[in-house]
Amino acid sequence: MKFERLLVLFFALVLSIGSAYAVAPGKTLEWAGGGAGKVTLDGKVHADKGLKCPDCHTNPKLFAMKKGTEKMSMKDMNAGKGCGTCHNGKKAFATKDAATCGKCHKK
């Protein structure tokens, strides 16, 4: 009986570690965003579009699961890397489109 409790506790701990790094629906992640203003990634907005964590973190592996490990730049995104993989004007609004800057950058 004691062993089962320890096993359940262990698995609960293991599962909670992954969620400490991910931006799940209802959670946000922020970057400084440079002179254009702070950028907030909203997990709910992406989940509402039908996306799940593996869509960006596993297949393809666009981003690591640990906060603070990604170096983002508009140059890379406009070249189709990172967020720019989907935000290319076909699948989602384009990072190159000046009219959509305010969707991510908040002053």
PDB file of N, CA and C in Angstrom:
ATOM      1  N   MET A   1       0.824  -1.186   0.000  1.00  0.00           N
ATOM      2  CA  MET A   1       0.000   0.000   0.000  1.00  0.00           C
ATOM      3  C   MET A   1       0.872   1.254   0.000  1.00  0.00           C
ATOM      4  N   LYS A   2       1.899   1.247   0.839  1.00  0.00           N
ATOM      5  CA  LYS A   2       2.794   2.394   0.920  1.00  0.00           C
ATOM      6  C   LYS A   2       3.541   2.571  -0.410  1.00  0.00           C
ATOM      7  N   PHE A   3       3.917   1.455  -1.041  1.00  0.00           N
ATOM      8  CA  PHE A   3       4.614   1.504  -2.312  1.00  0.00           C
ATOM      9  C   PHE A   3       3.746   2.145  -3.394  1.00  0.00           C
ATOM     10  N   GLU A   4       2.450   1.798  -3.433  1.00  0.00           N
ATOM     11  CA  GLU A   4       1.546   2.370  -4.434  1.00  0.00           C
ATOM     12  C   GLU A   4       1.420   3.880  -4.257  1.00  0.00           C
ATOM     13  N   ARG A   5       1.344   4.319  -3.020  1.00  0.00           N
ATOM     14  CA  ARG A   5       1.261   5.761  -2.760  1.00  0.00           C
ATOM     15  C   ARG A   5       2.513   6.480  -3.236  1.00  0.00           C
ATOM     16  N   LEU A   6       3.660   5.892  -2.964  1.00  0.00           N
ATOM     17  CA  LEU A   6       4.913   6.488  -3.420  1.00  0.00           C
ATOM     18  C   LEU A   6       4.991   6.505  -4.944  1.00  0.00           C
ATOM     19  N   LEU A   7       4.520   5.461  -5.583  1.00  0.00           N
ATOM     20  CA  LEU A   7       4.522   5.389  -7.032  1.00  0.00           C
ATOM     21  C   LEU A   7       3.614   6.462  -7.637  1.00  0.00           C
ATOM     22  N   VAL A   8       2.437   6.636  -7.089  1.00  0.00           N
ATOM     23  CA  VAL A   8       1.510   7.664  -7.555  1.00  0.00           C
ATOM     24  C   VAL A   8       2.120   9.046  -7.357  1.00  0.00           C
ATOM     25  N   LEU A   9       2.719   9.287  -6.223  1.00  0.00           N
ATOM     26  CA  LEU A   9       3.364  10.571  -5.943  1.00  0.00           C
ATOM     27  C   LEU A   9       4.502  10.832  -6.930  1.00  0.00           C
ATOM     28  N   PHE A  10       5.291   9.809  -7.209  1.00  0.00           N
ATOM     29  CA  PHE A  10       6.396   9.939  -8.154  1.00  0.00           C
ATOM     30  C   PHE A  10       5.879  10.335  -9.533  1.00  0.00           C
ATOM     31  N   PHE A  11       4.858   9.641 -10.028  1.00  0.00           N
ATOM     32  CA  PHE A  11       4.323   9.961 -11.357  1.00  0.00           C
ATOM     33  C   PHE A  11       3.682  11.339 -11.397  1.00  0.00           C
ATOM     34  N   ALA A  12       3.033  11.752 -10.337  1.00  0.00           N
ATOM     35  CA  ALA A  12       2.453  13.092 -10.276  1.00  0.00           C
ATOM     36  C   ALA A  12       3.554  14.148 -10.358  1.00  0.00           C
ATOM     37  N   LEU A  13       4.668  13.909  -9.681  1.00  0.00           N
ATOM     38  CA  LEU A  13       5.799  14.822  -9.709  1.00  0.00           C
ATOM     39  C   LEU A  13       6.398  14.891 -11.113  1.00  0.00           C
ATOM     40  N   VAL A  14       6.586  13.748 -11.737  1.00  0.00           N
ATOM     41  CA  VAL A  14       7.151  13.699 -13.086  1.00  0.00           C
ATOM     42  C   VAL A  14       6.266  14.467 -14.061  1.00  0.00           C
ATOM     43  N   LEU A  15       4.966  14.268 -13.991  1.00  0.00           N
ATOM     44  CA  LEU A  15       4.048  14.954 -14.895  1.00  0.00           C
ATOM     45  C   LEU A  15       4.015  16.455 -14.647  1.00  0.00           C
ATOM     46  N   SER A  16       4.157  16.879 -13.421  1.00  0.00           N
ATOM     47  CA  SER A  16       4.100  18.313 -13.119  1.00  0.00           C
ATOM     48  C   SER A  16       5.364  19.044 -13.562  1.00  0.00           C
ATOM     49  N   ILE A  17       6.481  18.359 -13.659  1.00  0.00           N
ATOM     50  CA  ILE A  17       7.723  19.001 -14.092  1.00  0.00           C
ATOM     51  C   ILE A  17       7.580  19.512 -15.515  1.00  0.00           C
ATOM     52  N   GLY A  18       7.003  18.730 -16.409  1.00  0.00           N
ATOM     53  CA  GLY A  18       6.818  19.153 -17.792  1.00  0.00           C
ATOM     54  C   GLY A  18       5.938  20.369 -17.896  1.00  0.00           C
ATOM     55  N   SER A  19       4.907  20.457 -17.083  1.00  0.00           N
ATOM     56  CA  SER A  19       4.006  21.601 -17.158  1.00  0.00           C
ATOM     57  C   SER A  19       4.643  22.873 -16.621  1.00  0.00           C
ATOM     58  N   ALA A  20       5.706  22.754 -15.866  1.00  0.00           N
ATOM     59  CA  ALA A  20       6.381  23.942 -15.356  1.00  0.00           C
ATOM     60  C   ALA A  20       7.103  24.686 -16.470  1.00  0.00           C
ATOM     61  N   TYR A  21       7.395  24.011 -17.562  1.00  0.00           N
ATOM     62  CA  TYR A  21       8.116  24.624 -18.667  1.00  0.00           C
ATOM     63  C   TYR A  21       7.216  25.007 -19.832  1.00  0.00           C
ATOM     64  N   ALA A  22       6.082  24.395 -19.991  1.00  0.00           N
ATOM     65  CA  ALA A  22       5.228  24.616 -21.147  1.00  0.00           C
ATOM     66  C   ALA A  22       4.285  25.790 -20.927  1.00  0.00           C
ATOM     67  N   VAL A  23       3.831  26.375 -22.031  1.00  0.00           N
ATOM     68  CA  VAL A  23       2.818  27.425 -21.983  1.00  0.00           C
ATOM     69  C   VAL A  23       1.515  26.778 -22.405  1.00  0.00           C
ATOM     70  N   ALA A  24       0.792  26.297 -21.437  1.00  0.00           N
ATOM     71  CA  ALA A  24      -0.458  25.592 -21.692  1.00  0.00           C
ATOM     72  C   ALA A  24      -1.584  26.582 -21.947  1.00  0.00           C
ATOM     73  N   PRO A  25      -2.717  26.100 -22.480  1.00  0.00           N
ATOM     74  CA  PRO A  25      -3.865  26.987 -22.661  1.00  0.00           C
ATOM     75  C   PRO A  25      -4.210  27.682 -21.350  1.00  0.00           C
ATOM     76  N   GLY A  26      -4.444  28.979 -21.439  1.00  0.00           N
ATOM     77  CA  GLY A  26      -4.741  29.756 -20.246  1.00  0.00           C
ATOM     78  C   GLY A  26      -3.507  30.364 -19.599  1.00  0.00           C
ATOM     79  N   LYS A  27      -2.327  30.012 -20.095  1.00  0.00           N
ATOM     80  CA  LYS A  27      -1.067  30.544 -19.570  1.00  0.00           C
ATOM     81  C   LYS A  27      -0.431  31.439 -20.629  1.00  0.00           C
ATOM     82  N   THR A  28       0.472  32.291 -20.201  1.00  0.00           N
ATOM     83  CA  THR A  28       1.178  33.161 -21.140  1.00  0.00           C
ATOM     84  C   THR A  28       2.677  33.124 -20.874  1.00  0.00           C
ATOM     85  N   LEU A  29       3.427  33.528 -21.879  1.00  0.00           N
ATOM     86  CA  LEU A  29       4.874  33.636 -21.787  1.00  0.00           C
ATOM     87  C   LEU A  29       5.247  34.972 -22.396  1.00  0.00           C
ATOM     88  N   GLU A  30       6.141  35.718 -21.761  1.00  0.00           N
ATOM     89  CA  GLU A  30       6.473  37.058 -22.238  1.00  0.00           C
ATOM     90  C   GLU A  30       7.944  37.196 -22.593  1.00  0.00           C
ATOM     91  N   TRP A  31       8.211  38.034 -23.618  1.00  0.00           N
ATOM     92  CA  TRP A  31       9.549  38.421 -24.022  1.00  0.00           C
ATOM     93  C   TRP A  31       9.617  39.933 -24.001  1.00  0.00           C
ATOM     94  N   ALA A  32      10.828  40.475 -23.903  1.00  0.00           N
ATOM     95  CA  ALA A  32      11.005  41.930 -23.881  1.00  0.00           C
ATOM     96  C   ALA A  32      10.491  42.563 -25.177  1.00  0.00           C
ATOM     97  N   GLY A  33      10.732  41.956 -26.321  1.00  0.00           N
ATOM     98  CA  GLY A  33      10.181  42.455 -27.586  1.00  0.00           C
ATOM     99  C   GLY A  33      10.896  43.641 -28.178  1.00  0.00           C
ATOM    100  N   GLY A  34      11.997  44.058 -27.600  1.00  0.00           N
ATOM    101  CA  GLY A  34      12.757  45.175 -28.151  1.00  0.00           C
ATOM    102  C   GLY A  34      11.980  46.476 -28.163  1.00  0.00           C
ATOM    103  N   GLY A  35      12.324  47.366 -29.084  1.00  0.00           N
ATOM    104  CA  GLY A  35      11.687  48.672 -29.177  1.00  0.00           C
ATOM    105  C   GLY A  35      10.237  48.618 -29.616  1.00  0.00           C
ATOM    106  N   ALA A  36       9.808  47.493 -30.166  1.00  0.00           N
ATOM    107  CA  ALA A  36       8.435  47.373 -30.650  1.00  0.00           C
ATOM    108  C   ALA A  36       7.456  47.072 -29.519  1.00  0.00           C
ATOM    109  N   GLY A  37       7.951  46.765 -28.341  1.00  0.00           N
ATOM    110  CA  GLY A  37       7.092  46.486 -27.198  1.00  0.00           C
ATOM    111  C   GLY A  37       7.112  45.029 -26.794  1.00  0.00           C
ATOM    112  N   LYS A  38       6.628  44.774 -25.588  1.00  0.00           N
ATOM    113  CA  LYS A  38       6.602  43.431 -25.009  1.00  0.00           C
ATOM    114  C   LYS A  38       5.779  42.481 -25.875  1.00  0.00           C
ATOM    115  N   VAL A  39       6.244  41.242 -25.987  1.00  0.00           N
ATOM    116  CA  VAL A  39       5.529  40.206 -26.728  1.00  0.00           C
ATOM    117  C   VAL A  39       4.996  39.183 -25.735  1.00  0.00           C
ATOM    118  N   THR A  40       3.722  38.849 -25.880  1.00  0.00           N
ATOM    119  CA  THR A  40       3.098  37.855 -25.024  1.00  0.00           C
ATOM    120  C   THR A  40       2.572  36.715 -25.882  1.00  0.00           C
ATOM    121  N   LEU A  41       3.042  35.511 -25.608  1.00  0.00           N
ATOM    122  CA  LEU A  41       2.520  34.323 -26.271  1.00  0.00           C
ATOM    123  C   LEU A  41       1.413  33.774 -25.386  1.00  0.00           C
ATOM    124  N   ASP A  42       0.220  33.694 -25.930  1.00  0.00           N
ATOM    125  CA  ASP A  42      -0.944  33.228 -25.182  1.00  0.00           C
ATOM    126  C   ASP A  42      -1.274  31.802 -25.613  1.00  0.00           C
ATOM    127  N   GLY A  43      -1.117  30.860 -24.697  1.00  0.00           N
ATOM    128  CA  GLY A  43      -1.401  29.462 -25.008  1.00  0.00           C
ATOM    129  C   GLY A  43      -2.843  29.236 -25.409  1.00  0.00           C
ATOM    130  N   LYS A  44      -3.780  29.982 -24.829  1.00  0.00           N
ATOM    131  CA  LYS A  44      -5.196  29.811 -25.142  1.00  0.00           C
ATOM    132  C   LYS A  44      -5.502  30.204 -26.584  1.00  0.00           C
ATOM    133  N   VAL A  45      -4.914  31.297 -27.055  1.00  0.00           N
ATOM    134  CA  VAL A  45      -5.149  31.740 -28.428  1.00  0.00           C
ATOM    135  C   VAL A  45      -4.740  30.643 -29.401  1.00  0.00           C
ATOM    136  N   HIS A  46      -3.599  30.038 -29.164  1.00  0.00           N
ATOM    137  CA  HIS A  46      -3.124  28.976 -30.053  1.00  0.00           C
ATOM    138  C   HIS A  46      -3.961  27.706 -29.902  1.00  0.00           C
ATOM    139  N   ALA A  47      -4.350  27.359 -28.685  1.00  0.00           N
ATOM    140  CA  ALA A  47      -5.191  26.176 -28.456  1.00  0.00           C
ATOM    141  C   ALA A  47      -6.559  26.355 -29.101  1.00  0.00           C
ATOM    142  N   ASP A  48      -7.102  27.576 -29.051  1.00  0.00           N
ATOM    143  CA  ASP A  48      -8.401  27.851 -29.677  1.00  0.00           C
ATOM    144  C   ASP A  48      -8.351  27.670 -31.189  1.00  0.00           C
ATOM    145  N   LYS A  49      -7.177  27.767 -31.766  1.00  0.00           N
ATOM    146  CA  LYS A  49      -7.001  27.543 -33.213  1.00  0.00           C
ATOM    147  C   LYS A  49      -6.777  26.064 -33.518  1.00  0.00           C
ATOM    148  N   GLY A  50      -6.838  25.219 -32.483  1.00  0.00           N
ATOM    149  CA  GLY A  50      -6.698  23.780 -32.674  1.00  0.00           C
ATOM    150  C   GLY A  50      -5.288  23.251 -32.501  1.00  0.00           C
ATOM    151  N   LEU A  51      -4.362  24.095 -32.069  1.00  0.00           N
ATOM    152  CA  LEU A  51      -2.977  23.649 -31.902  1.00  0.00           C
ATOM    153  C   LEU A  51      -2.784  22.992 -30.550  1.00  0.00           C
ATOM    154  N   LYS A  52      -1.898  22.035 -30.530  1.00  0.00           N
ATOM    155  CA  LYS A  52      -1.518  21.350 -29.299  1.00  0.00           C
ATOM    156  C   LYS A  52      -0.011  21.518 -29.128  1.00  0.00           C
ATOM    157  N   CYS A  53       0.486  21.337 -27.924  1.00  0.00           N
ATOM    158  CA  CYS A  53       1.907  21.550 -27.620  1.00  0.00           C
ATOM    159  C   CYS A  53       2.856  20.870 -28.621  1.00  0.00           C
ATOM    160  N   PRO A  54       2.621  19.599 -28.978  1.00  0.00           N
ATOM    161  CA  PRO A  54       3.549  18.937 -29.902  1.00  0.00           C
ATOM    162  C   PRO A  54       3.631  19.588 -31.287  1.00  0.00           C
ATOM    163  N   ASP A  55       2.625  20.373 -31.671  1.00  0.00           N
ATOM    164  CA  ASP A  55       2.651  21.019 -32.976  1.00  0.00           C
ATOM    165  C   ASP A  55       3.831  21.974 -33.132  1.00  0.00           C
ATOM    166  N   CYS A  56       4.323  22.517 -32.042  1.00  0.00           N
ATOM    167  CA  CYS A  56       5.466  23.427 -32.092  1.00  0.00           C
ATOM    168  C   CYS A  56       6.695  22.875 -31.379  1.00  0.00           C
ATOM    169  N   HIS A  57       6.472  21.936 -30.452  1.00  0.00           N
ATOM    170  CA  HIS A  57       7.577  21.474 -29.616  1.00  0.00           C
ATOM    171  C   HIS A  57       8.085  20.079 -29.967  1.00  0.00           C
ATOM    172  N   THR A  58       7.378  19.353 -30.822  1.00  0.00           N
ATOM    173  CA  THR A  58       7.809  17.994 -31.139  1.00  0.00           C
ATOM    174  C   THR A  58       7.938  17.769 -32.641  1.00  0.00           C
ATOM    175  N   ASN A  59       6.873  18.019 -33.364  1.00  0.00           N
ATOM    176  CA  ASN A  59       6.865  17.714 -34.799  1.00  0.00           C
ATOM    177  C   ASN A  59       6.243  18.861 -35.571  1.00  0.00           C
ATOM    178  N   PRO A  60       6.980  19.786 -36.124  1.00  0.00           N
ATOM    179  CA  PRO A  60       8.446  19.877 -36.059  1.00  0.00           C
ATOM    180  C   PRO A  60       8.887  20.495 -34.735  1.00  0.00           C
ATOM    181  N   LYS A  61      10.123  20.259 -34.363  1.00  0.00           N
ATOM    182  CA  LYS A  61      10.633  20.803 -33.097  1.00  0.00           C
ATOM    183  C   LYS A  61      11.120  22.229 -33.356  1.00  0.00           C
ATOM    184  N   LEU A  62      10.179  23.174 -33.269  1.00  0.00           N
ATOM    185  CA  LEU A  62      10.506  24.577 -33.495  1.00  0.00           C
ATOM    186  C   LEU A  62      11.072  25.242 -32.252  1.00  0.00           C
ATOM    187  N   PHE A  63      10.580  24.810 -31.086  1.00  0.00           N
ATOM    188  CA  PHE A  63      10.962  25.437 -29.827  1.00  0.00           C
ATOM    189  C   PHE A  63      11.265  24.384 -28.777  1.00  0.00           C
ATOM    190  N   ALA A  64      12.212  24.700 -27.886  1.00  0.00           N
ATOM    191  CA  ALA A  64      12.489  23.838 -26.738  1.00  0.00           C
ATOM    192  C   ALA A  64      11.352  24.000 -25.733  1.00  0.00           C
ATOM    193  N   MET A  65      11.198  23.061 -24.832  1.00  0.00           N
ATOM    194  CA  MET A  65      10.124  23.120 -23.843  1.00  0.00           C
ATOM    195  C   MET A  65      10.494  23.949 -22.616  1.00  0.00           C
ATOM    196  N   LYS A  66      11.741  24.334 -22.483  1.00  0.00           N
ATOM    197  CA  LYS A  66      12.184  25.066 -21.288  1.00  0.00           C
ATOM    198  C   LYS A  66      12.181  26.567 -21.556  1.00  0.00           C
ATOM    199  N   LYS A  67      11.558  27.318 -20.650  1.00  0.00           N
ATOM    200  CA  LYS A  67      11.511  28.770 -20.775  1.00  0.00           C
ATOM    201  C   LYS A  67      12.918  29.351 -20.768  1.00  0.00           C
ATOM    202  N   GLY A  68      13.099  30.398 -21.561  1.00  0.00           N
ATOM    203  CA  GLY A  68      14.363  31.119 -21.564  1.00  0.00           C
ATOM    204  C   GLY A  68      15.439  30.532 -22.446  1.00  0.00           C
ATOM    205  N   THR A  69      15.135  29.453 -23.168  1.00  0.00           N
ATOM    206  CA  THR A  69      16.155  28.828 -24.006  1.00  0.00           C
ATOM    207  C   THR A  69      16.100  29.308 -25.455  1.00  0.00           C
ATOM    208  N   GLU A  70      15.044  30.022 -25.826  1.00  0.00           N
ATOM    209  CA  GLU A  70      14.879  30.447 -27.213  1.00  0.00           C
ATOM    210  C   GLU A  70      15.357  31.882 -27.409  1.00  0.00           C
ATOM    211  N   LYS A  71      16.170  32.083 -28.425  1.00  0.00           N
ATOM    212  CA  LYS A  71      16.588  33.418 -28.838  1.00  0.00           C
ATOM    213  C   LYS A  71      15.761  33.752 -30.075  1.00  0.00           C
ATOM    214  N   MET A  72      14.892  34.739 -29.956  1.00  0.00           N
ATOM    215  CA  MET A  72      14.005  35.081 -31.059  1.00  0.00           C
ATOM    216  C   MET A  72      14.405  36.414 -31.665  1.00  0.00           C
ATOM    217  N   SER A  73      14.284  36.491 -32.972  1.00  0.00           N
ATOM    218  CA  SER A  73      14.513  37.758 -33.657  1.00  0.00           C
ATOM    219  C   SER A  73      13.529  37.864 -34.815  1.00  0.00           C
ATOM    220  N   MET A  74      13.151  39.077 -35.147  1.00  0.00           N
ATOM    221  CA  MET A  74      12.241  39.286 -36.270  1.00  0.00           C
ATOM    222  C   MET A  74      12.906  38.823 -37.562  1.00  0.00           C
ATOM    223  N   LYS A  75      14.210  38.987 -37.664  1.00  0.00           N
ATOM    224  CA  LYS A  75      14.932  38.555 -38.865  1.00  0.00           C
ATOM    225  C   LYS A  75      14.723  37.054 -39.081  1.00  0.00           C
ATOM    226  N   ASP A  76      14.889  36.264 -38.016  1.00  0.00           N
ATOM    227  CA  ASP A  76      14.694  34.819 -38.127  1.00  0.00           C
ATOM    228  C   ASP A  76      13.239  34.470 -38.436  1.00  0.00           C
ATOM    229  N   MET A  77      12.309  35.122 -37.743  1.00  0.00           N
ATOM    230  CA  MET A  77      10.891  34.831 -37.981  1.00  0.00           C
ATOM    231  C   MET A  77      10.491  35.190 -39.406  1.00  0.00           C
ATOM    232  N   ASN A  78      10.967  36.342 -39.907  1.00  0.00           N
ATOM    233  CA  ASN A  78      10.651  36.739 -41.279  1.00  0.00           C
ATOM    234  C   ASN A  78      11.271  35.803 -42.302  1.00  0.00           C
ATOM    235  N   ALA A  79      12.308  35.057 -41.886  1.00  0.00           N
ATOM    236  CA  ALA A  79      12.945  34.064 -42.761  1.00  0.00           C
ATOM    237  C   ALA A  79      12.271  32.694 -42.629  1.00  0.00           C
ATOM    238  N   GLY A  80      11.165  32.631 -41.877  1.00  0.00           N
ATOM    239  CA  GLY A  80      10.415  31.381 -41.762  1.00  0.00           C
ATOM    240  C   GLY A  80      10.861  30.478 -40.634  1.00  0.00           C
ATOM    241  N   LYS A  81      11.625  31.004 -39.698  1.00  0.00           N
ATOM    242  CA  LYS A  81      12.069  30.207 -38.557  1.00  0.00           C
ATOM    243  C   LYS A  81      11.207  30.528 -37.340  1.00  0.00           C
ATOM    244  N   GLY A  82      11.174  29.619 -36.369  1.00  0.00           N
ATOM    245  CA  GLY A  82      10.422  29.848 -35.136  1.00  0.00           C
ATOM    246  C   GLY A  82       8.961  30.155 -35.430  1.00  0.00           C
ATOM    247  N   CYS A  83       8.461  31.249 -34.887  1.00  0.00           N
ATOM    248  CA  CYS A  83       7.061  31.651 -35.087  1.00  0.00           C
ATOM    249  C   CYS A  83       6.746  31.830 -36.570  1.00  0.00           C
ATOM    250  N   GLY A  84       7.745  32.266 -37.333  1.00  0.00           N
ATOM    251  CA  GLY A  84       7.566  32.505 -38.762  1.00  0.00           C
ATOM    252  C   GLY A  84       7.268  31.260 -39.566  1.00  0.00           C
ATOM    253  N   THR A  85       7.448  30.077 -38.965  1.00  0.00           N
ATOM    254  CA  THR A  85       7.097  28.834 -39.658  1.00  0.00           C
ATOM    255  C   THR A  85       5.612  28.815 -39.976  1.00  0.00           C
ATOM    256  N   CYS A  86       4.796  29.247 -39.037  1.00  0.00           N
ATOM    257  CA  CYS A  86       3.339  29.313 -39.254  1.00  0.00           C
ATOM    258  C   CYS A  86       2.881  30.724 -39.593  1.00  0.00           C
ATOM    259  N   HIS A  87       3.527  31.713 -38.979  1.00  0.00           N
ATOM    260  CA  HIS A  87       3.128  33.102 -39.214  1.00  0.00           C
ATOM    261  C   HIS A  87       3.826  33.608 -40.468  1.00  0.00           C
ATOM    262  N   ASN A  88       3.379  33.039 -41.608  1.00  0.00           N
ATOM    263  CA  ASN A  88       3.985  33.308 -42.907  1.00  0.00           C
ATOM    264  C   ASN A  88       3.012  33.957 -43.888  1.00  0.00           C
ATOM    265  N   GLY A  89       1.806  34.290 -43.433  1.00  0.00           N
ATOM    266  CA  GLY A  89       0.801  34.892 -44.299  1.00  0.00           C
ATOM    267  C   GLY A  89      -0.095  33.877 -44.982  1.00  0.00           C
ATOM    268  N   LYS A  90       0.231  32.603 -44.840  1.00  0.00           N
ATOM    269  CA  LYS A  90      -0.588  31.538 -45.433  1.00  0.00           C
ATOM    270  C   LYS A  90      -1.342  30.782 -44.345  1.00  0.00           C
ATOM    271  N   LYS A  91      -0.599  30.268 -43.380  1.00  0.00           N
ATOM    272  CA  LYS A  91      -1.210  29.516 -42.287  1.00  0.00           C
ATOM    273  C   LYS A  91      -1.756  30.461 -41.211  1.00  0.00           C
ATOM    274  N   ALA A  92      -1.031  31.525 -40.939  1.00  0.00           N
ATOM    275  CA  ALA A  92      -1.433  32.537 -39.948  1.00  0.00           C
ATOM    276  C   ALA A  92      -0.895  33.885 -40.432  1.00  0.00           C
ATOM    277  N   PHE A  93      -1.299  34.965 -39.791  1.00  0.00           N
ATOM    278  CA  PHE A  93      -0.841  36.284 -40.226  1.00  0.00           C
ATOM    279  C   PHE A  93       0.683  36.316 -40.293  1.00  0.00           C
ATOM    280  N   ALA A  94       1.203  37.111 -41.219  1.00  0.00           N
ATOM    281  CA  ALA A  94       2.644  37.139 -41.469  1.00  0.00           C
ATOM    282  C   ALA A  94       3.382  38.050 -40.494  1.00  0.00           C
ATOM    283  N   THR A  95       4.540  37.594 -40.050  1.00  0.00           N
ATOM    284  CA  THR A  95       5.384  38.424 -39.193  1.00  0.00           C
ATOM    285  C   THR A  95       5.932  39.615 -39.977  1.00  0.00           C
ATOM    286  N   LYS A  96       6.001  39.507 -41.298  1.00  0.00           N
ATOM    287  CA  LYS A  96       6.527  40.585 -42.144  1.00  0.00           C
ATOM    288  C   LYS A  96       5.532  41.723 -42.334  1.00  0.00           C
ATOM    289  N   ASP A  97       4.257  41.484 -42.062  1.00  0.00           N
ATOM    290  CA  ASP A  97       3.204  42.468 -42.297  1.00  0.00           C
ATOM    291  C   ASP A  97       3.175  43.505 -41.174  1.00  0.00           C
ATOM    292  N   ALA A  98       3.547  44.728 -41.484  1.00  0.00           N
ATOM    293  CA  ALA A  98       3.608  45.791 -40.474  1.00  0.00           C
ATOM    294  C   ALA A  98       2.253  46.053 -39.827  1.00  0.00           C
ATOM    295  N   ALA A  99       1.170  45.765 -40.534  1.00  0.00           N
ATOM    296  CA  ALA A  99      -0.172  46.002 -39.993  1.00  0.00           C
ATOM    297  C   ALA A  99      -0.528  45.037 -38.865  1.00  0.00           C
ATOM    298  N   THR A 100       0.217  43.943 -38.719  1.00  0.00           N
ATOM    299  CA  THR A 100      -0.105  42.957 -37.689  1.00  0.00           C
ATOM    300  C   THR A 100       0.854  42.979 -36.503  1.00  0.00           C
ATOM    301  N   CYS A 101       1.781  43.917 -36.461  1.00  0.00           N
ATOM    302  CA  CYS A 101       2.752  43.980 -35.354  1.00  0.00           C
ATOM    303  C   CYS A 101       2.061  43.993 -33.996  1.00  0.00           C
ATOM    304  N   GLY A 102       0.968  44.744 -33.893  1.00  0.00           N
ATOM    305  CA  GLY A 102       0.261  44.909 -32.638  1.00  0.00           C
ATOM    306  C   GLY A 102      -0.406  43.639 -32.123  1.00  0.00           C
ATOM    307  N   LYS A 103      -0.493  42.603 -32.955  1.00  0.00           N
ATOM    308  CA  LYS A 103      -1.064  41.349 -32.498  1.00  0.00           C
ATOM    309  C   LYS A 103      -0.130  40.648 -31.512  1.00  0.00           C
ATOM    310  N   CYS A 104       1.151  40.906 -31.606  1.00  0.00           N
ATOM    311  CA  CYS A 104       2.133  40.290 -30.696  1.00  0.00           C
ATOM    312  C   CYS A 104       2.802  41.324 -29.796  1.00  0.00           C
ATOM    313  N   HIS A 105       3.168  42.461 -30.368  1.00  0.00           N
ATOM    314  CA  HIS A 105       3.906  43.491 -29.632  1.00  0.00           C
ATOM    315  C   HIS A 105       2.940  44.467 -28.983  1.00  0.00           C
ATOM    316  N   LYS A 106       3.102  44.655 -27.671  1.00  0.00           N
ATOM    317  CA  LYS A 106       2.269  45.590 -26.902  1.00  0.00           C
ATOM    318  C   LYS A 106       3.153  46.631 -26.249  1.00  0.00           C
ATOM    319  N   LYS A 107       2.883  47.888 -26.519  1.00  0.00           N
ATOM    320  CA  LYS A 107       3.696  48.977 -25.932  1.00  0.00           C
ATOM    321  C   LYS A 107       3.185  49.329 -24.570  1.00  0.00           C
TER     322      LYS A 107
END
